[in-house]
């Protein structure tokens, strides 16, 4: 099969991702082989492909990537099922998270896939899994946003942030986004009431205290985040962006969790996990019109390295998708 093949870590992935050939994987027990139509572009793939922060190499391989075909989000058609899979069948249109999705075929655990509704196209579906599930879990499960609350989303123009803004608005919250001034209109179009340009003012400069702060960008000190938070507010640090080369932003999550028992504010961190229930809920929200995956750029498979470089450089608003079936 045609696939993106990576043999080494690199900061610029356009130089490390090569379009080549790889063996079609065989599904094991509980797994599904997916014929890939589209694959998502997200920071998780970037971390695995660059090996940064270095702590991630405990899972991805110390000196070079253990998996030579990158990619996580997937939308396509079931081509084969492994032993013990009863809920999916060959020919089913699916979307979710797999392994090595920057290729014509990819393996995924059956529990991390959902059937793709007829009205949900492959490119839109491929944008949903990692970023959409992470945002849903942050807004609904961890922060538990309720109507009337004031919510601040830091990193509102990114993949997870663009979903988080919409989901918080749909929950009845008054949402302010934090993004560059150039992306102000994009964030407002997602439903945010206001946008703070992080290049010209700090997140607490307007004196408001937020019931919920979702920090997705990972570039604010814990003290600044707490100043923007109401005395009984909830801070959710999503993922582990920024920070040092060894552990990235994970130290902020740890410090927030250690401090939380001694203050009135509830603070902690989270990482999203793809699951069928959340995938189905996201697809339903798209069908109802309350959620719109903001796919602003598409790339060919051969351009996967450039797609991730663009993402890391901040040149992508919302979500980017790789159209595998277009080569």
C-alpha atoms as a PDB file:
ATOM      1  CA  UNK A   1       0.000   0.000   0.000  1.00  0.00           C
ATOM      2  CA  UNK A   2       1.028   3.631  -0.383  1.00  0.00           C
ATOM      3  CA  UNK A   3       1.908   5.212   2.955  1.00  0.00           C
ATOM      4  CA  UNK A   4       3.872   7.966   4.636  1.00  0.00           C
ATOM      5  CA  UNK A   5       7.017   6.344   6.018  1.00  0.00           C
ATOM      6  CA  UNK A   6       9.091   7.922   8.796  1.00  0.00           C
ATOM      7  CA  UNK A   7      12.480   6.529   9.831  1.00  0.00           C
ATOM      8  CA  UNK A   8      13.748   9.318  12.101  1.00  0.00           C
ATOM      9  CA  UNK A   9      12.600  12.083  14.410  1.00  0.00           C
ATOM     10  CA  UNK A  10      12.809  15.611  13.056  1.00  0.00           C
ATOM     11  CA  UNK A  11      11.670  19.105  13.945  1.00  0.00           C
ATOM     12  CA  UNK A  12      10.628  19.772  10.336  1.00  0.00           C
ATOM     13  CA  UNK A  13       8.500  16.810   9.356  1.00  0.00           C
ATOM     14  CA  UNK A  14       8.386  17.733   5.674  1.00  0.00           C
ATOM     15  CA  UNK A  15      11.950  16.409   5.562  1.00  0.00           C
ATOM     16  CA  UNK A  16      11.244  13.253   7.595  1.00  0.00           C
ATOM     17  CA  UNK A  17       7.966  12.077   6.023  1.00  0.00           C
ATOM     18  CA  UNK A  18       8.468  10.175   2.786  1.00  0.00           C
ATOM     19  CA  UNK A  19       5.761   8.846   0.505  1.00  0.00           C
ATOM     20  CA  UNK A  20       6.574   5.175   0.043  1.00  0.00           C
ATOM     21  CA  UNK A  21       5.313   1.628   0.312  1.00  0.00           C
ATOM     22  CA  UNK A  22       4.372  -0.371   3.405  1.00  0.00           C
ATOM     23  CA  UNK A  23       2.797  -3.754   4.003  1.00  0.00           C
ATOM     24  CA  UNK A  24      -0.965  -3.769   4.520  1.00  0.00           C
ATOM     25  CA  UNK A  25      -1.441  -4.545   8.247  1.00  0.00           C
ATOM     26  CA  UNK A  26      -3.574  -7.473   9.389  1.00  0.00           C
ATOM     27  CA  UNK A  27      -6.190  -6.884  12.111  1.00  0.00           C
ATOM     28  CA  UNK A  28      -5.711  -8.783  15.354  1.00  0.00           C
ATOM     29  CA  UNK A  29      -8.280  -9.740  17.930  1.00  0.00           C
ATOM     30  CA  UNK A  30     -10.664  -6.842  18.564  1.00  0.00           C
ATOM     31  CA  UNK A  31      -9.216  -4.858  15.675  1.00  0.00           C
ATOM     32  CA  UNK A  32     -10.463  -3.609  12.327  1.00  0.00           C
ATOM     33  CA  UNK A  33      -8.665  -2.900   9.060  1.00  0.00           C
ATOM     34  CA  UNK A  34      -9.862   0.417   7.604  1.00  0.00           C
ATOM     35  CA  UNK A  35      -9.521   1.539   4.005  1.00  0.00           C
ATOM     36  CA  UNK A  36      -8.603   5.163   4.673  1.00  0.00           C
ATOM     37  CA  UNK A  37     -10.409   8.019   2.933  1.00  0.00           C
ATOM     38  CA  UNK A  38      -9.200  10.857   5.153  1.00  0.00           C
ATOM     39  CA  UNK A  39      -6.940  11.308   8.180  1.00  0.00           C
ATOM     40  CA  UNK A  40      -6.804  14.092  10.732  1.00  0.00           C
ATOM     41  CA  UNK A  41      -3.913  16.408  11.583  1.00  0.00           C
ATOM     42  CA  UNK A  42      -3.397  17.045  15.279  1.00  0.00           C
ATOM     43  CA  UNK A  43      -0.765  17.852  17.889  1.00  0.00           C
ATOM     44  CA  UNK A  44      -0.678  14.276  19.121  1.00  0.00           C
ATOM     45  CA  UNK A  45       0.708  13.106  15.784  1.00  0.00           C
ATOM     46  CA  UNK A  46       3.194  15.981  15.834  1.00  0.00           C
ATOM     47  CA  UNK A  47       4.463  14.971  19.300  1.00  0.00           C
ATOM     48  CA  UNK A  48       4.861  11.330  18.281  1.00  0.00           C
ATOM     49  CA  UNK A  49       6.592  12.256  15.017  1.00  0.00           C
ATOM     50  CA  UNK A  50       9.028  14.771  16.533  1.00  0.00           C
ATOM     51  CA  UNK A  51       9.639  12.813  19.732  1.00  0.00           C
ATOM     52  CA  UNK A  52       9.005  15.961  21.776  1.00  0.00           C
ATOM     53  CA  UNK A  53       8.781  16.350  24.673  1.00  0.00           C
ATOM     54  CA  UNK A  54      11.347  13.622  25.195  1.00  0.00           C
ATOM     55  CA  UNK A  55       9.153  11.853  27.748  1.00  0.00           C
ATOM     56  CA  UNK A  56       6.902  10.782  24.875  1.00  0.00           C
ATOM     57  CA  UNK A  57       9.701   8.575  23.553  1.00  0.00           C
ATOM     58  CA  UNK A  58       8.967   6.140  26.351  1.00  0.00           C
ATOM     59  CA  UNK A  59       5.973   5.198  24.211  1.00  0.00           C
ATOM     60  CA  UNK A  60       7.080   6.137  20.708  1.00  0.00           C
ATOM     61  CA  UNK A  61      10.683   4.836  20.698  1.00  0.00           C
ATOM     62  CA  UNK A  62      13.925   6.281  22.079  1.00  0.00           C
ATOM     63  CA  UNK A  63      16.160   6.852  19.063  1.00  0.00           C
ATOM     64  CA  UNK A  64      13.620   6.675  16.245  1.00  0.00           C
ATOM     65  CA  UNK A  65       9.864   6.189  15.869  1.00  0.00           C
ATOM     66  CA  UNK A  66       8.738   2.685  16.723  1.00  0.00           C
ATOM     67  CA  UNK A  67       5.799   3.068  14.334  1.00  0.00           C
ATOM     68  CA  UNK A  68       7.089   3.923  10.870  1.00  0.00           C
ATOM     69  CA  UNK A  69       3.690   5.053   9.574  1.00  0.00           C
ATOM     70  CA  UNK A  70       2.265   8.083  11.463  1.00  0.00           C
ATOM     71  CA  UNK A  71      -1.339   9.162  11.912  1.00  0.00           C
ATOM     72  CA  UNK A  72      -4.160   8.738  14.458  1.00  0.00           C
ATOM     73  CA  UNK A  73      -7.523  10.124  13.277  1.00  0.00           C
ATOM     74  CA  UNK A  74      -9.203   8.172  10.494  1.00  0.00           C
ATOM     75  CA  UNK A  75     -12.341   8.070   8.385  1.00  0.00           C
ATOM     76  CA  UNK A  76     -12.903   5.298   5.884  1.00  0.00           C
ATOM     77  CA  UNK A  77     -14.492   1.934   5.238  1.00  0.00           C
ATOM     78  CA  UNK A  78     -14.029  -1.363   7.067  1.00  0.00           C
ATOM     79  CA  UNK A  79     -11.983  -3.671   4.842  1.00  0.00           C
ATOM     80  CA  UNK A  80     -11.532  -6.585   7.264  1.00  0.00           C
ATOM     81  CA  UNK A  81     -12.354  -7.437  10.872  1.00  0.00           C
ATOM     82  CA  UNK A  82     -10.330  -9.362  13.395  1.00  0.00           C
ATOM     83  CA  UNK A  83     -11.423 -12.121  15.730  1.00  0.00           C
ATOM     84  CA  UNK A  84     -14.017 -11.095  18.304  1.00  0.00           C
ATOM     85  CA  UNK A  85     -15.353  -8.084  16.411  1.00  0.00           C
ATOM     86  CA  UNK A  86     -19.126  -8.332  16.096  1.00  0.00           C
ATOM     87  CA  UNK A  87     -20.273  -4.715  16.126  1.00  0.00           C
ATOM     88  CA  UNK A  88     -18.651  -3.745  12.800  1.00  0.00           C
ATOM     89  CA  UNK A  89     -18.669  -5.474   9.426  1.00  0.00           C
ATOM     90  CA  UNK A  90     -16.836  -5.222   6.131  1.00  0.00           C
ATOM     91  CA  UNK A  91     -18.236  -2.304   4.142  1.00  0.00           C
ATOM     92  CA  UNK A  92     -19.246  -0.175   7.136  1.00  0.00           C
ATOM     93  CA  UNK A  93     -18.329   3.509   6.857  1.00  0.00           C
ATOM     94  CA  UNK A  94     -16.505   4.390  10.090  1.00  0.00           C
ATOM     95  CA  UNK A  95     -14.477   7.104  11.798  1.00  0.00           C
ATOM     96  CA  UNK A  96     -12.367   7.203  14.927  1.00  0.00           C
ATOM     97  CA  UNK A  97      -8.779   6.717  16.021  1.00  0.00           C
ATOM     98  CA  UNK A  98      -6.349   4.133  14.719  1.00  0.00           C
ATOM     99  CA  UNK A  99      -2.638   3.622  14.151  1.00  0.00           C
ATOM    100  CA  UNK A 100      -0.678   4.509  11.045  1.00  0.00           C
ATOM    101  CA  UNK A 101      -3.569   6.311   9.380  1.00  0.00           C
ATOM    102  CA  UNK A 102      -1.389   8.259   6.927  1.00  0.00           C
ATOM    103  CA  UNK A 103      -1.706   5.364   4.531  1.00  0.00           C
ATOM    104  CA  UNK A 104      -4.205   3.608   2.289  1.00  0.00           C
ATOM    105  CA  UNK A 105      -5.026   1.120   5.061  1.00  0.00           C
ATOM    106  CA  UNK A 106      -4.807   1.394   8.846  1.00  0.00           C
ATOM    107  CA  UNK A 107      -5.548  -0.684  11.925  1.00  0.00           C
ATOM    108  CA  UNK A 108      -7.920   0.503  14.653  1.00  0.00           C
ATOM    109  CA  UNK A 109      -9.374  -1.039  17.780  1.00  0.00           C
ATOM    110  CA  UNK A 110     -13.066  -1.643  17.220  1.00  0.00           C
ATOM    111  CA  UNK A 111     -13.987   0.247  20.394  1.00  0.00           C
ATOM    112  CA  UNK A 112     -12.297   3.381  19.074  1.00  0.00           C
ATOM    113  CA  UNK A 113     -14.438   3.483  15.930  1.00  0.00           C
ATOM    114  CA  UNK A 114     -18.036   4.494  15.324  1.00  0.00           C
ATOM    115  CA  UNK A 115     -20.236   4.118  12.277  1.00  0.00           C
ATOM    116  CA  UNK A 116     -20.198   7.242  10.134  1.00  0.00           C
ATOM    117  CA  UNK A 117     -23.684   8.638   9.446  1.00  0.00           C
ATOM    118  CA  UNK A 118     -24.598   9.015   5.780  1.00  0.00           C
ATOM    119  CA  UNK A 119     -24.614  12.805   6.003  1.00  0.00           C
ATOM    120  CA  UNK A 120     -21.120  13.039   7.520  1.00  0.00           C
ATOM    121  CA  UNK A 121     -18.444  13.247   4.818  1.00  0.00           C
ATOM    122  CA  UNK A 122     -15.025  11.664   5.311  1.00  0.00           C
ATOM    123  CA  UNK A 123     -13.061  14.903   5.665  1.00  0.00           C
ATOM    124  CA  UNK A 124     -15.389  16.233   8.364  1.00  0.00           C
ATOM    125  CA  UNK A 125     -15.434  12.891  10.161  1.00  0.00           C
ATOM    126  CA  UNK A 126     -11.625  12.691  10.175  1.00  0.00           C
ATOM    127  CA  UNK A 127     -11.472  16.046  11.971  1.00  0.00           C
ATOM    128  CA  UNK A 128     -13.614  14.859  14.878  1.00  0.00           C
ATOM    129  CA  UNK A 129     -11.998  12.011  16.852  1.00  0.00           C
ATOM    130  CA  UNK A 130      -8.987  13.214  18.872  1.00  0.00           C
ATOM    131  CA  UNK A 131      -9.769  16.934  19.011  1.00  0.00           C
ATOM    132  CA  UNK A 132     -13.538  16.511  19.293  1.00  0.00           C
ATOM    133  CA  UNK A 133     -13.440  13.855  21.994  1.00  0.00           C
ATOM    134  CA  UNK A 134     -10.846  15.814  23.971  1.00  0.00           C
ATOM    135  CA  UNK A 135     -12.953  18.983  23.816  1.00  0.00           C
ATOM    136  CA  UNK A 136     -16.158  17.158  24.754  1.00  0.00           C
ATOM    137  CA  UNK A 137     -14.536  15.494  27.739  1.00  0.00           C
ATOM    138  CA  UNK A 138     -12.960  18.774  28.882  1.00  0.00           C
ATOM    139  CA  UNK A 139     -16.183  20.793  28.615  1.00  0.00           C
ATOM    140  CA  UNK A 140     -18.796  18.251  29.689  1.00  0.00           C
ATOM    141  CA  UNK A 141     -17.037  15.652  31.826  1.00  0.00           C
ATOM    142  CA  UNK A 142     -14.212  17.502  33.609  1.00  0.00           C
ATOM    143  CA  UNK A 143     -15.270  21.169  33.731  1.00  0.00           C
ATOM    144  CA  UNK A 144     -18.989  20.280  33.717  1.00  0.00           C
ATOM    145  CA  UNK A 145     -19.976  23.571  32.149  1.00  0.00           C
ATOM    146  CA  UNK A 146     -23.566  24.629  32.872  1.00  0.00           C
ATOM    147  CA  UNK A 147     -25.789  27.380  31.423  1.00  0.00           C
ATOM    148  CA  UNK A 148     -24.915  30.939  32.381  1.00  0.00           C
ATOM    149  CA  UNK A 149     -21.301  30.299  33.334  1.00  0.00           C
ATOM    150  CA  UNK A 150     -18.450  32.423  32.038  1.00  0.00           C
ATOM    151  CA  UNK A 151     -15.912  30.268  30.217  1.00  0.00           C
ATOM    152  CA  UNK A 152     -12.469  31.243  28.942  1.00  0.00           C
ATOM    153  CA  UNK A 153     -10.948  29.051  26.228  1.00  0.00           C
ATOM    154  CA  UNK A 154      -7.215  29.587  25.753  1.00  0.00           C
ATOM    155  CA  UNK A 155      -6.154  28.323  22.346  1.00  0.00           C
ATOM    156  CA  UNK A 156      -9.636  28.898  20.946  1.00  0.00           C
ATOM    157  CA  UNK A 157      -8.565  28.921  17.292  1.00  0.00           C
ATOM    158  CA  UNK A 158      -6.903  25.508  17.367  1.00  0.00           C
ATOM    159  CA  UNK A 159      -8.274  22.029  16.793  1.00  0.00           C
ATOM    160  CA  UNK A 160      -9.403  21.235  20.331  1.00  0.00           C
ATOM    161  CA  UNK A 161     -10.176  24.880  21.061  1.00  0.00           C
ATOM    162  CA  UNK A 162     -12.488  25.321  18.087  1.00  0.00           C
ATOM    163  CA  UNK A 163     -14.569  22.378  19.319  1.00  0.00           C
ATOM    164  CA  UNK A 164     -14.428  23.520  22.957  1.00  0.00           C
ATOM    165  CA  UNK A 165     -15.797  26.976  22.112  1.00  0.00           C
ATOM    166  CA  UNK A 166     -18.764  25.491  20.250  1.00  0.00           C
ATOM    167  CA  UNK A 167     -19.507  22.855  22.877  1.00  0.00           C
ATOM    168  CA  UNK A 168     -19.394  25.412  25.711  1.00  0.00           C
ATOM    169  CA  UNK A 169     -21.696  27.741  23.765  1.00  0.00           C
ATOM    170  CA  UNK A 170     -24.069  24.840  23.110  1.00  0.00           C
ATOM    171  CA  UNK A 171     -24.077  24.166  26.870  1.00  0.00           C
ATOM    172  CA  UNK A 172     -25.367  27.697  27.453  1.00  0.00           C
ATOM    173  CA  UNK A 173     -22.116  29.328  28.552  1.00  0.00           C
ATOM    174  CA  UNK A 174     -20.869  32.859  27.853  1.00  0.00           C
ATOM    175  CA  UNK A 175     -17.573  32.088  26.077  1.00  0.00           C
ATOM    176  CA  UNK A 176     -14.504  34.245  25.600  1.00  0.00           C
ATOM    177  CA  UNK A 177     -11.731  32.906  23.407  1.00  0.00           C
ATOM    178  CA  UNK A 178      -8.010  33.620  23.529  1.00  0.00           C
ATOM    179  CA  UNK A 179      -6.293  33.719  20.138  1.00  0.00           C
ATOM    180  CA  UNK A 180      -4.213  35.982  17.926  1.00  0.00           C
ATOM    181  CA  UNK A 181      -5.917  39.080  16.576  1.00  0.00           C
ATOM    182  CA  UNK A 182      -5.675  37.664  13.063  1.00  0.00           C
ATOM    183  CA  UNK A 183      -7.950  34.789  14.105  1.00  0.00           C
ATOM    184  CA  UNK A 184     -10.494  36.915  15.982  1.00  0.00           C
ATOM    185  CA  UNK A 185     -13.215  36.647  13.332  1.00  0.00           C
ATOM    186  CA  UNK A 186     -12.706  32.892  13.092  1.00  0.00           C
ATOM    187  CA  UNK A 187     -13.248  32.442  16.846  1.00  0.00           C
ATOM    188  CA  UNK A 188     -16.251  34.778  16.899  1.00  0.00           C
ATOM    189  CA  UNK A 189     -17.804  32.745  14.083  1.00  0.00           C
ATOM    190  CA  UNK A 190     -17.578  29.680  16.357  1.00  0.00           C
ATOM    191  CA  UNK A 191     -19.937  31.402  18.817  1.00  0.00           C
ATOM    192  CA  UNK A 192     -17.568  33.154  21.234  1.00  0.00           C
ATOM    193  CA  UNK A 193     -18.895  36.436  22.608  1.00  0.00           C
ATOM    194  CA  UNK A 194     -15.453  38.052  22.717  1.00  0.00           C
ATOM    195  CA  UNK A 195     -11.820  37.320  21.856  1.00  0.00           C
ATOM    196  CA  UNK A 196      -8.714  38.337  23.798  1.00  0.00           C
ATOM    197  CA  UNK A 197      -5.669  38.882  21.592  1.00  0.00           C
ATOM    198  CA  UNK A 198      -2.879  37.254  23.597  1.00  0.00           C
ATOM    199  CA  UNK A 199      -0.291  39.295  21.703  1.00  0.00           C
ATOM    200  CA  UNK A 200      -1.576  42.600  23.069  1.00  0.00           C
ATOM    201  CA  UNK A 201      -3.093  41.798  26.474  1.00  0.00           C
ATOM    202  CA  UNK A 202      -2.939  39.228  29.237  1.00  0.00           C
ATOM    203  CA  UNK A 203      -5.906  36.942  29.850  1.00  0.00           C
ATOM    204  CA  UNK A 204      -6.794  38.673  33.144  1.00  0.00           C
ATOM    205  CA  UNK A 205      -6.239  42.244  31.911  1.00  0.00           C
ATOM    206  CA  UNK A 206      -9.976  43.014  31.709  1.00  0.00           C
ATOM    207  CA  UNK A 207     -10.521  42.176  35.346  1.00  0.00           C
ATOM    208  CA  UNK A 208     -13.112  39.486  34.777  1.00  0.00           C
ATOM    209  CA  UNK A 209     -13.127  36.272  36.725  1.00  0.00           C
ATOM    210  CA  UNK A 210     -14.207  33.151  34.834  1.00  0.00           C
ATOM    211  CA  UNK A 211     -16.126  30.208  36.240  1.00  0.00           C
ATOM    212  CA  UNK A 212     -14.166  27.876  33.961  1.00  0.00           C
ATOM    213  CA  UNK A 213     -10.781  28.302  32.297  1.00  0.00           C
ATOM    214  CA  UNK A 214      -9.853  25.736  29.666  1.00  0.00           C
ATOM    215  CA  UNK A 215      -6.138  26.053  28.952  1.00  0.00           C
ATOM    216  CA  UNK A 216      -5.444  24.249  25.700  1.00  0.00           C
ATOM    217  CA  UNK A 217      -2.520  26.348  24.451  1.00  0.00           C
ATOM    218  CA  UNK A 218      -0.359  25.599  27.486  1.00  0.00           C
ATOM    219  CA  UNK A 219       1.587  28.860  27.433  1.00  0.00           C
ATOM    220  CA  UNK A 220       0.370  30.646  30.571  1.00  0.00           C
ATOM    221  CA  UNK A 221       1.944  30.334  34.060  1.00  0.00           C
ATOM    222  CA  UNK A 222      -0.279  28.770  36.684  1.00  0.00           C
ATOM    223  CA  UNK A 223      -0.360  32.042  38.651  1.00  0.00           C
ATOM    224  CA  UNK A 224      -1.795  33.917  35.656  1.00  0.00           C
ATOM    225  CA  UNK A 225      -4.418  31.228  35.072  1.00  0.00           C
ATOM    226  CA  UNK A 226      -5.496  31.446  38.700  1.00  0.00           C
ATOM    227  CA  UNK A 227      -5.832  35.243  38.509  1.00  0.00           C
ATOM    228  CA  UNK A 228      -8.299  34.824  35.654  1.00  0.00           C
ATOM    229  CA  UNK A 229     -10.273  32.201  37.578  1.00  0.00           C
ATOM    230  CA  UNK A 230     -13.142  32.869  39.981  1.00  0.00           C
ATOM    231  CA  UNK A 231     -12.468  32.004  43.643  1.00  0.00           C
ATOM    232  CA  UNK A 232     -14.510  28.812  43.239  1.00  0.00           C
ATOM    233  CA  UNK A 233     -13.784  28.356  39.546  1.00  0.00           C
ATOM    234  CA  UNK A 234     -12.501  25.324  37.697  1.00  0.00           C
ATOM    235  CA  UNK A 235      -9.243  25.227  35.748  1.00  0.00           C
ATOM    236  CA  UNK A 236      -8.760  22.409  33.246  1.00  0.00           C
ATOM    237  CA  UNK A 237      -5.322  22.115  31.650  1.00  0.00           C
ATOM    238  CA  UNK A 238      -5.842  20.140  28.456  1.00  0.00           C
ATOM    239  CA  UNK A 239      -2.858  18.138  27.252  1.00  0.00           C
ATOM    240  CA  UNK A 240       0.764  19.034  27.877  1.00  0.00           C
ATOM    241  CA  UNK A 241       1.747  21.734  25.411  1.00  0.00           C
ATOM    242  CA  UNK A 242       4.700  24.117  25.822  1.00  0.00           C
ATOM    243  CA  UNK A 243       6.978  23.683  28.845  1.00  0.00           C
ATOM    244  CA  UNK A 244      10.468  22.193  28.885  1.00  0.00           C
ATOM    245  CA  UNK A 245      12.015  19.690  26.451  1.00  0.00           C
ATOM    246  CA  UNK A 246      11.798  16.754  28.863  1.00  0.00           C
ATOM    247  CA  UNK A 247       8.184  16.716  30.048  1.00  0.00           C
ATOM    248  CA  UNK A 248       6.610  19.603  28.116  1.00  0.00           C
ATOM    249  CA  UNK A 249       3.687  21.150  29.976  1.00  0.00           C
ATOM    250  CA  UNK A 250       3.048  18.146  32.208  1.00  0.00           C
ATOM    251  CA  UNK A 251       4.677  19.908  35.158  1.00  0.00           C
ATOM    252  CA  UNK A 252       1.879  22.515  35.153  1.00  0.00           C
ATOM    253  CA  UNK A 253      -0.719  19.776  35.385  1.00  0.00           C
ATOM    254  CA  UNK A 254       1.122  18.229  38.311  1.00  0.00           C
ATOM    255  CA  UNK A 255       1.558  21.552  40.146  1.00  0.00           C
ATOM    256  CA  UNK A 256      -2.116  22.395  39.640  1.00  0.00           C
ATOM    257  CA  UNK A 257      -3.208  19.061  41.082  1.00  0.00           C
ATOM    258  CA  UNK A 258      -0.860  19.413  44.068  1.00  0.00           C
ATOM    259  CA  UNK A 259      -2.086  22.946  44.825  1.00  0.00           C
ATOM    260  CA  UNK A 260      -5.804  22.298  44.360  1.00  0.00           C
ATOM    261  CA  UNK A 261      -6.492  20.754  47.822  1.00  0.00           C
ATOM    262  CA  UNK A 262      -5.234  23.937  49.511  1.00  0.00           C
ATOM    263  CA  UNK A 263      -7.249  26.546  47.575  1.00  0.00           C
ATOM    264  CA  UNK A 264     -10.890  27.133  46.741  1.00  0.00           C
ATOM    265  CA  UNK A 265     -10.313  26.766  43.027  1.00  0.00           C
ATOM    266  CA  UNK A 266     -10.593  23.321  41.454  1.00  0.00           C
ATOM    267  CA  UNK A 267      -7.616  22.666  39.225  1.00  0.00           C
ATOM    268  CA  UNK A 268      -6.236  19.756  37.273  1.00  0.00           C
ATOM    269  CA  UNK A 269      -5.296  18.379  33.906  1.00  0.00           C
ATOM    270  CA  UNK A 270      -6.593  15.842  31.423  1.00  0.00           C
ATOM    271  CA  UNK A 271      -5.834  14.022  28.211  1.00  0.00           C
ATOM    272  CA  UNK A 272      -8.634  13.019  25.887  1.00  0.00           C
ATOM    273  CA  UNK A 273      -9.459   9.453  24.935  1.00  0.00           C
ATOM    274  CA  UNK A 274     -11.385   8.410  21.858  1.00  0.00           C
ATOM    275  CA  UNK A 275     -14.363   6.157  22.505  1.00  0.00           C
ATOM    276  CA  UNK A 276     -17.423   5.092  20.527  1.00  0.00           C
ATOM    277  CA  UNK A 277     -19.942   6.812  22.806  1.00  0.00           C
ATOM    278  CA  UNK A 278     -18.338  10.236  22.447  1.00  0.00           C
ATOM    279  CA  UNK A 279     -17.781   9.762  18.715  1.00  0.00           C
ATOM    280  CA  UNK A 280     -21.474   9.008  18.235  1.00  0.00           C
ATOM    281  CA  UNK A 281     -22.457  12.044  20.340  1.00  0.00           C
ATOM    282  CA  UNK A 282     -20.181  14.311  18.298  1.00  0.00           C
ATOM    283  CA  UNK A 283     -21.571  12.982  15.025  1.00  0.00           C
ATOM    284  CA  UNK A 284     -25.104  13.555  16.295  1.00  0.00           C
ATOM    285  CA  UNK A 285     -24.240  17.144  17.254  1.00  0.00           C
ATOM    286  CA  UNK A 286     -22.863  17.732  13.760  1.00  0.00           C
ATOM    287  CA  UNK A 287     -26.049  16.299  12.281  1.00  0.00           C
ATOM    288  CA  UNK A 288     -28.192  18.558  14.480  1.00  0.00           C
ATOM    289  CA  UNK A 289     -26.168  21.611  13.515  1.00  0.00           C
ATOM    290  CA  UNK A 290     -24.924  22.486  17.021  1.00  0.00           C
ATOM    291  CA  UNK A 291     -21.340  21.507  16.165  1.00  0.00           C
ATOM    292  CA  UNK A 292     -19.393  22.385  13.046  1.00  0.00           C
ATOM    293  CA  UNK A 293     -15.924  20.897  12.578  1.00  0.00           C
ATOM    294  CA  UNK A 294     -13.932  23.864  11.285  1.00  0.00           C
ATOM    295  CA  UNK A 295     -11.919  22.166   8.541  1.00  0.00           C
ATOM    296  CA  UNK A 296     -10.034  25.085   7.022  1.00  0.00           C
ATOM    297  CA  UNK A 297      -7.268  23.276   5.117  1.00  0.00           C
ATOM    298  CA  UNK A 298      -6.899  19.973   3.296  1.00  0.00           C
ATOM    299  CA  UNK A 299      -3.732  18.273   2.090  1.00  0.00           C
ATOM    300  CA  UNK A 300      -2.812  15.363  -0.138  1.00  0.00           C
ATOM    301  CA  UNK A 301      -1.168  12.327   1.474  1.00  0.00           C
ATOM    302  CA  UNK A 302       2.227  13.331   0.095  1.00  0.00           C
ATOM    303  CA  UNK A 303       1.852  16.668   1.906  1.00  0.00           C
ATOM    304  CA  UNK A 304       1.404  15.176   5.395  1.00  0.00           C
ATOM    305  CA  UNK A 305       4.730  16.513   6.638  1.00  0.00           C
ATOM    306  CA  UNK A 306       3.899  20.016   5.459  1.00  0.00           C
ATOM    307  CA  UNK A 307       0.490  19.748   7.132  1.00  0.00           C
ATOM    308  CA  UNK A 308       2.038  19.025  10.529  1.00  0.00           C
ATOM    309  CA  UNK A 309       4.679  21.724  10.056  1.00  0.00           C
ATOM    310  CA  UNK A 310       1.920  24.224   9.254  1.00  0.00           C
ATOM    311  CA  UNK A 311       0.030  23.138  12.364  1.00  0.00           C
ATOM    312  CA  UNK A 312       3.076  23.564  14.607  1.00  0.00           C
ATOM    313  CA  UNK A 313       3.776  27.005  13.123  1.00  0.00           C
ATOM    314  CA  UNK A 314       0.259  28.223  13.851  1.00  0.00           C
ATOM    315  CA  UNK A 315      -0.725  28.473  10.204  1.00  0.00           C
ATOM    316  CA  UNK A 316      -3.843  26.325  10.665  1.00  0.00           C
ATOM    317  CA  UNK A 317      -7.071  27.627  12.164  1.00  0.00           C
ATOM    318  CA  UNK A 318      -9.428  24.934  13.403  1.00  0.00           C
ATOM    319  CA  UNK A 319      -8.692  21.603  11.774  1.00  0.00           C
ATOM    320  CA  UNK A 320      -6.634  20.359   8.847  1.00  0.00           C
ATOM    321  CA  UNK A 321      -7.322  17.041   7.126  1.00  0.00           C
ATOM    322  CA  UNK A 322      -5.328  14.791   4.815  1.00  0.00           C
ATOM    323  CA  UNK A 323      -7.342  13.393   1.916  1.00  0.00           C
ATOM    324  CA  UNK A 324      -5.762   9.992   1.482  1.00  0.00           C
ATOM    325  CA  UNK A 325      -7.972   8.774  -1.341  1.00  0.00           C
ATOM    326  CA  UNK A 326      -6.769  11.694  -3.480  1.00  0.00           C
ATOM    327  CA  UNK A 327      -3.151  10.585  -3.134  1.00  0.00           C
END
